[in-house]
Amino acid sequence: MGKYKKMTPVYIRFWDHAKWTGPNAEPLLCEIVGVYHDEDDVAYKIASWVCSGELDDNTEQFAIVKSTIVHMQELAFTRGINDSKRKN
């Protein structure tokens, strides 16, 4: 089991693909805010949004390779992710 519990909101800053400028490639420093839902030896699995507290085929998910991470931080919800009865 990993460091984070499923459905934990996280912020990750990581290196990703190369940006090509003429003959030179430069790495891109990227950021994602999402919901942690799984991991393996290589990557964290992050969902960009969750509906009714569930991950399904409609959920957009990303694998962030652990060795590319510069900073990862657990975030906190100001309201519960499953609080579907709240009034706006």
C-alpha atoms as a PDB file:
ATOM      1  CA  MET A   1       0.000   0.000   0.000  1.00  0.00           C
ATOM      2  CA  GLY A   2       1.177   3.494  -0.809  1.00  0.00           C
ATOM      3  CA  LYS A   3       1.665   6.613   1.260  1.00  0.00           C
ATOM      4  CA  TYR A   4      -1.709   8.099   0.277  1.00  0.00           C
ATOM      5  CA  LYS A   5      -5.253   6.820   0.834  1.00  0.00           C
ATOM      6  CA  LYS A   6      -7.574   6.447  -2.151  1.00  0.00           C
ATOM      7  CA  MET A   7      -9.492   9.632  -2.986  1.00  0.00           C
ATOM      8  CA  THR A   8      -6.838  11.883  -1.412  1.00  0.00           C
ATOM      9  CA  PRO A   9      -6.524  15.208  -3.251  1.00  0.00           C
ATOM     10  CA  VAL A  10      -2.915  15.874  -4.282  1.00  0.00           C
ATOM     11  CA  TYR A  11      -0.758  18.456  -6.039  1.00  0.00           C
ATOM     12  CA  ILE A  12       2.190  17.162  -8.099  1.00  0.00           C
ATOM     13  CA  ARG A  13       4.948  19.071  -9.916  1.00  0.00           C
ATOM     14  CA  PHE A  14       6.804  16.802 -12.344  1.00  0.00           C
ATOM     15  CA  TRP A  15       8.947  16.677 -15.489  1.00  0.00           C
ATOM     16  CA  ASP A  16       7.211  15.557 -18.661  1.00  0.00           C
ATOM     17  CA  HIS A  17       7.766  15.359 -22.448  1.00  0.00           C
ATOM     18  CA  ALA A  18      10.295  17.421 -24.302  1.00  0.00           C
ATOM     19  CA  LYS A  19       9.522  20.771 -25.906  1.00  0.00           C
ATOM     20  CA  TRP A  20      11.315  21.069 -29.234  1.00  0.00           C
ATOM     21  CA  THR A  21      12.969  24.382 -30.135  1.00  0.00           C
ATOM     22  CA  GLY A  22      14.820  23.874 -33.406  1.00  0.00           C
ATOM     23  CA  PRO A  23      17.259  20.979 -32.953  1.00  0.00           C
ATOM     24  CA  ASN A  24      17.157  21.180 -29.125  1.00  0.00           C
ATOM     25  CA  ALA A  25      14.728  19.359 -26.831  1.00  0.00           C
ATOM     26  CA  GLU A  26      13.867  20.831 -23.449  1.00  0.00           C
ATOM     27  CA  PRO A  27      11.946  19.064 -20.660  1.00  0.00           C
ATOM     28  CA  LEU A  28       8.715  20.676 -19.452  1.00  0.00           C
ATOM     29  CA  LEU A  29       7.968  21.248 -15.771  1.00  0.00           C
ATOM     30  CA  CYS A  30       4.265  20.385 -15.376  1.00  0.00           C
ATOM     31  CA  GLU A  31       1.696  20.501 -12.574  1.00  0.00           C
ATOM     32  CA  ILE A  32      -1.422  18.513 -11.810  1.00  0.00           C
ATOM     33  CA  VAL A  33      -4.042  18.789  -9.093  1.00  0.00           C
ATOM     34  CA  GLY A  34      -6.178  15.690  -8.837  1.00  0.00           C
ATOM     35  CA  VAL A  35      -7.366  12.758  -6.762  1.00  0.00           C
ATOM     36  CA  TYR A  36      -4.949   9.944  -5.921  1.00  0.00           C
ATOM     37  CA  HIS A  37      -6.510   6.553  -6.554  1.00  0.00           C
ATOM     38  CA  ASP A  38      -3.715   3.997  -6.991  1.00  0.00           C
ATOM     39  CA  GLU A  39      -0.024   3.405  -7.620  1.00  0.00           C
ATOM     40  CA  ASP A  40       2.416   0.740  -8.679  1.00  0.00           C
ATOM     41  CA  ASP A  41       6.216   0.548  -8.548  1.00  0.00           C
ATOM     42  CA  VAL A  42       6.538   3.044 -11.415  1.00  0.00           C
ATOM     43  CA  ALA A  43       3.715   5.603 -11.219  1.00  0.00           C
ATOM     44  CA  TYR A  44       0.988   7.279  -9.188  1.00  0.00           C
ATOM     45  CA  LYS A  45      -2.497   7.091 -10.749  1.00  0.00           C
ATOM     46  CA  ILE A  46      -4.282  10.460 -10.523  1.00  0.00           C
ATOM     47  CA  ALA A  47      -7.853  11.300 -11.584  1.00  0.00           C
ATOM     48  CA  SER A  48      -8.589  14.845 -12.721  1.00  0.00           C
ATOM     49  CA  TRP A  49     -12.203  14.657 -11.552  1.00  0.00           C
ATOM     50  CA  VAL A  50     -14.460  12.207  -9.732  1.00  0.00           C
ATOM     51  CA  CYS A  51     -18.247  11.819  -9.851  1.00  0.00           C
ATOM     52  CA  SER A  52     -20.153  10.631  -6.773  1.00  0.00           C
ATOM     53  CA  GLY A  53     -16.923   9.479  -5.149  1.00  0.00           C
ATOM     54  CA  GLU A  54     -16.378   6.769  -7.768  1.00  0.00           C
ATOM     55  CA  LEU A  55     -13.853   6.157 -10.533  1.00  0.00           C
ATOM     56  CA  ASP A  56     -15.366   4.665 -13.688  1.00  0.00           C
ATOM     57  CA  ASP A  57     -14.817   4.510 -17.462  1.00  0.00           C
ATOM     58  CA  ASN A  58     -15.826   8.172 -17.739  1.00  0.00           C
ATOM     59  CA  THR A  59     -13.099   9.375 -15.354  1.00  0.00           C
ATOM     60  CA  GLU A  60     -10.023  10.943 -16.934  1.00  0.00           C
ATOM     61  CA  GLN A  61      -6.934   9.444 -15.304  1.00  0.00           C
ATOM     62  CA  PHE A  62      -3.184  10.060 -15.548  1.00  0.00           C
ATOM     63  CA  ALA A  63      -0.121   7.995 -14.598  1.00  0.00           C
ATOM     64  CA  ILE A  64       2.613  10.239 -13.212  1.00  0.00           C
ATOM     65  CA  VAL A  65       5.983   8.455 -13.246  1.00  0.00           C
ATOM     66  CA  LYS A  66       7.452   8.608  -9.732  1.00  0.00           C
ATOM     67  CA  SER A  67      11.022   9.280 -10.877  1.00  0.00           C
ATOM     68  CA  THR A  68       9.897  12.511 -12.618  1.00  0.00           C
ATOM     69  CA  ILE A  69       8.277  14.080  -9.529  1.00  0.00           C
ATOM     70  CA  VAL A  70       9.861  17.241  -8.157  1.00  0.00           C
ATOM     71  CA  HIS A  71       7.227  17.878  -5.456  1.00  0.00           C
ATOM     72  CA  MET A  72       4.092  16.062  -4.273  1.00  0.00           C
ATOM     73  CA  GLN A  73       1.767  17.377  -1.591  1.00  0.00           C
ATOM     74  CA  GLU A  74      -1.474  16.139  -0.042  1.00  0.00           C
ATOM     75  CA  LEU A  75      -4.281  18.697  -0.211  1.00  0.00           C
ATOM     76  CA  ALA A  76      -7.501  19.003   1.773  1.00  0.00           C
ATOM     77  CA  PHE A  77     -11.076  19.382   0.592  1.00  0.00           C
ATOM     78  CA  THR A  78     -13.025  22.247   2.113  1.00  0.00           C
ATOM     79  CA  ARG A  79     -16.187  20.149   1.662  1.00  0.00           C
ATOM     80  CA  GLY A  80     -16.627  16.401   1.499  1.00  0.00           C
ATOM     81  CA  ILE A  81     -16.186  14.774  -1.906  1.00  0.00           C
ATOM     82  CA  ASN A  82     -19.348  12.709  -1.335  1.00  0.00           C
ATOM     83  CA  ASP A  83     -21.431  15.588   0.004  1.00  0.00           C
ATOM     84  CA  SER A  84     -24.086  15.440  -2.734  1.00  0.00           C
ATOM     85  CA  LYS A  85     -26.839  16.778  -0.445  1.00  0.00           C
ATOM     86  CA  ARG A  86     -25.237  20.176   0.142  1.00  0.00           C
ATOM     87  CA  LYS A  87     -27.055  23.302  -0.944  1.00  0.00           C
ATOM     88  CA  ASN A  88     -25.193  25.798  -3.133  1.00  0.00           C
END
